[in-house]
Amino acid sequence: MMQAYVRAMDLVSRLTMIIAGACLVVITLIIPYGVFTRYVLNVAASWPEPMAVLLMIWFSFLSAAICYRENLHIAVNIIPDMLSGAARTMIGWVVELCMASTSLFMFVWGAKLVQTTFYQSIAEFPWLSVGLTYLPIPIGGAITTLFVIERLWTGRLFQAAHERDDALAPISTE
């Protein structure tokens, strides 16, 4: 059962990484377009900048979940590195429980924020709900919560997902 959950989290991580990467690619395409229309054509398009901001929000919250799972986030490891055995494990559990409370807070209150602002629209995109722009908050919180559960269940409190013996092979670019 645990192995199936870990494999499912591998797939969630990959899918999240693909979506975050796609956001970054689209940002790198629309920003030059906005610059081109403004400074070369002298007709500034109104949508590239707000669209880039929305995509950056998606990129940030999705990437934060991935960075947490892969231990790529900023961490102060002075105390855990000085400890061993049960004390180190206890610190790991405290850290993970703090992370769980933070990600659950993001999920619950982010969902309430989405619900509260769902019927408001954005000036630049009248067809787009403000609630949808806040959607990355509860989604990022939910994904991070799933990754916290994975760490607590497997007991790999200080180990990145890619360091596991059974980790999925890297995506080939060939």
Protein backbone atom coordinates (compact mmCIF):
# COMPACT_ATOMS: atom_id res chain seq x y z
CA MET A 1 0.00 0.00 0.00
CA MET A 2 2.76 2.43 0.94
CA GLN A 3 4.65 1.62 -2.27
CA ALA A 4 1.54 2.37 -4.35
CA TYR A 5 1.12 5.72 -2.59
CA VAL A 6 4.77 6.62 -3.19
CA ARG A 7 4.40 5.73 -6.88
CA ALA A 8 1.24 7.84 -7.09
CA MET A 9 3.15 10.76 -5.54
CA ASP A 10 5.91 10.25 -8.13
CA LEU A 11 3.28 10.70 -10.83
CA VAL A 12 1.69 13.70 -9.08
CA SER A 13 5.14 15.25 -8.82
CA ARG A 14 5.86 14.67 -12.51
CA LEU A 15 2.51 16.08 -13.59
CA THR A 16 2.97 19.10 -11.33
CA MET A 17 6.45 19.64 -12.75
CA ILE A 18 5.12 19.47 -16.32
CA ILE A 19 2.38 22.02 -15.59
CA ALA A 20 4.80 24.37 -13.79
CA GLY A 21 7.28 24.02 -16.65
CA ALA A 22 4.57 24.78 -19.20
CA CYS A 23 3.68 27.94 -17.26
CA LEU A 24 7.31 29.04 -17.38
CA VAL A 25 7.56 28.35 -21.12
CA VAL A 26 4.40 30.35 -21.83
CA ILE A 27 5.71 33.23 -19.71
CA THR A 28 8.93 33.29 -21.72
CA LEU A 29 6.88 33.45 -24.92
CA ILE A 30 4.36 36.14 -23.99
CA ILE A 31 6.73 38.62 -22.33
CA PRO A 32 8.79 39.14 -25.52
CA TYR A 33 5.52 39.42 -27.44
CA GLY A 34 4.40 42.21 -25.09
CA VAL A 35 7.73 44.00 -25.47
CA PHE A 36 7.57 43.62 -29.26
CA THR A 37 4.04 45.03 -29.53
CA ARG A 38 4.85 47.94 -27.21
CA TYR A 39 8.24 49.06 -28.53
CA VAL A 40 8.29 47.88 -32.14
CA LEU A 41 4.66 48.14 -33.22
CA ASN A 42 3.86 51.02 -30.82
CA VAL A 43 0.58 49.29 -29.98
CA ALA A 44 0.85 47.88 -26.48
CA ALA A 45 -1.12 44.70 -25.94
CA SER A 46 -2.90 44.87 -22.59
CA TRP A 47 -2.90 41.16 -21.77
CA PRO A 48 0.75 39.91 -21.71
CA GLU A 49 1.76 41.39 -18.35
CA PRO A 50 -1.30 40.30 -16.32
CA MET A 51 -1.21 36.89 -18.00
CA ALA A 52 2.46 36.51 -17.08
CA VAL A 53 1.64 37.42 -13.47
CA LEU A 54 -1.13 34.80 -13.34
CA LEU A 55 1.15 32.16 -14.81
CA MET A 56 3.90 33.10 -12.35
CA ILE A 57 1.47 32.55 -9.48
CA TRP A 58 0.68 29.07 -10.81
CA PHE A 59 4.37 28.38 -11.37
CA SER A 60 5.30 29.52 -7.86
CA PHE A 61 2.77 27.48 -5.90
CA LEU A 62 3.25 24.33 -7.97
CA SER A 63 7.03 24.63 -7.90
CA ALA A 64 7.00 25.17 -4.14
CA ALA A 65 5.33 21.78 -3.69
CA ILE A 66 7.88 20.10 -5.94
CA CYS A 67 10.79 21.81 -4.17
CA TYR A 68 9.45 20.63 -0.83
CA ARG A 69 9.29 17.02 -2.02
CA GLU A 70 12.79 17.17 -3.49
CA ASN A 71 14.33 19.00 -0.50
CA LEU A 72 15.27 21.92 -2.73
CA HIS A 73 13.74 24.51 -0.41
CA ILE A 74 15.65 26.73 1.96
CA ALA A 75 16.27 24.90 5.22
CA VAL A 76 18.36 25.47 8.30
CA ASN A 77 19.84 22.08 9.12
CA ILE A 78 22.27 23.07 11.86
CA ILE A 79 20.25 21.51 14.69
CA PRO A 80 19.14 18.31 12.89
CA ASP A 81 22.71 17.75 11.66
CA MET A 82 24.02 17.95 15.23
CA LEU A 83 21.51 15.36 16.46
CA SER A 84 21.20 11.67 15.84
CA GLY A 85 18.75 8.87 16.48
CA ALA A 86 15.49 9.62 18.24
CA ALA A 87 16.18 13.33 18.72
CA ARG A 88 16.78 13.82 14.99
CA THR A 89 13.64 11.85 14.16
CA MET A 90 11.61 13.91 16.64
CA ILE A 91 12.84 17.17 15.06
CA GLY A 92 11.92 15.75 11.65
CA TRP A 93 8.40 14.97 12.82
CA VAL A 94 7.98 18.44 14.32
CA VAL A 95 9.12 20.03 11.05
CA GLU A 96 6.79 17.83 9.00
CA LEU A 97 3.83 18.53 11.28
CA CYS A 98 4.49 22.27 10.97
CA MET A 99 4.62 21.84 7.21
CA ALA A 100 1.39 19.83 7.29
CA SER A 101 -0.38 22.56 9.25
CA THR A 102 0.90 25.22 6.83
CA SER A 103 -0.14 23.30 3.73
CA LEU A 104 -3.53 22.41 5.22
CA PHE A 105 -4.02 26.10 6.07
CA MET A 106 -3.23 26.96 2.44
CA PHE A 107 -5.68 24.32 1.23
CA VAL A 108 -8.60 25.19 3.53
CA TRP A 109 -8.33 28.99 3.51
CA GLY A 110 -7.24 29.07 -0.13
CA ALA A 111 -10.38 27.14 -1.05
CA LYS A 112 -12.47 29.61 0.95
CA LEU A 113 -10.74 32.49 -0.85
CA VAL A 114 -11.48 30.90 -4.22
CA GLN A 115 -15.11 30.39 -3.23
CA THR A 116 -15.49 33.95 -1.92
CA THR A 117 -14.00 35.61 -5.01
CA PHE A 118 -15.29 33.20 -7.64
CA TYR A 119 -17.95 35.56 -9.03
CA GLN A 120 -15.69 38.59 -9.28
CA SER A 121 -13.88 39.30 -12.53
CA ILE A 122 -10.48 40.73 -13.38
CA ALA A 123 -10.41 44.09 -15.17
CA GLU A 124 -7.90 42.92 -17.80
CA PHE A 125 -9.77 39.64 -18.36
CA PRO A 126 -13.50 40.16 -17.73
CA TRP A 127 -14.14 36.53 -18.66
CA LEU A 128 -11.74 35.24 -15.96
CA SER A 129 -12.90 34.75 -12.39
CA VAL A 130 -10.75 36.20 -9.60
CA GLY A 131 -11.37 32.93 -7.78
CA LEU A 132 -9.64 31.01 -10.53
CA THR A 133 -6.57 33.20 -10.14
CA TYR A 134 -6.39 32.17 -6.47
CA LEU A 135 -6.84 28.48 -7.32
CA PRO A 136 -3.09 27.72 -7.19
CA ILE A 137 -3.11 28.36 -3.42
CA PRO A 138 -5.38 25.45 -2.43
CA ILE A 139 -3.98 23.24 -5.18
CA GLY A 140 -0.40 23.87 -4.05
CA GLY A 141 -1.47 23.31 -0.44
CA ALA A 142 -3.19 20.03 -1.31
CA ILE A 143 -0.21 18.72 -3.27
CA THR A 144 2.20 19.72 -0.51
CA THR A 145 -0.03 17.99 2.06
CA LEU A 146 0.10 14.80 -0.01
CA PHE A 147 3.89 15.05 -0.07
CA VAL A 148 4.01 15.60 3.72
CA ILE A 149 1.90 12.47 4.19
CA GLU A 150 4.37 10.60 1.99
CA ARG A 151 7.33 11.70 4.11
CA LEU A 152 5.62 10.87 7.39
CA TRP A 153 4.39 7.49 6.14
CA THR A 154 7.71 6.40 4.68
CA GLY A 155 9.78 7.84 7.52
CA ARG A 156 12.09 9.59 5.04
CA LEU A 157 12.06 12.86 6.91
CA PHE A 158 15.32 14.32 5.62
CA GLN A 159 15.52 12.53 2.27
CA ALA A 160 14.56 13.99 -1.10
CA ALA A 161 12.26 11.92 -3.29
CA HIS A 162 14.88 11.57 -6.02
CA GLU A 163 17.34 10.04 -3.51
CA ARG A 164 15.14 6.96 -2.98
CA ASP A 165 16.32 3.61 -4.28
CA ASP A 166 12.96 3.07 -5.97
CA ALA A 167 12.60 6.58 -7.45
CA LEU A 168 11.32 6.93 -10.98
CA ALA A 169 14.04 7.28 -13.58
CA PRO A 170 14.72 10.84 -14.77
CA ILE A 171 12.76 11.96 -17.81
CA SER A 172 14.89 11.40 -20.88
CA THR A 173 15.39 14.33 -23.24
CA GLU A 174 16.50 12.13 -26.09
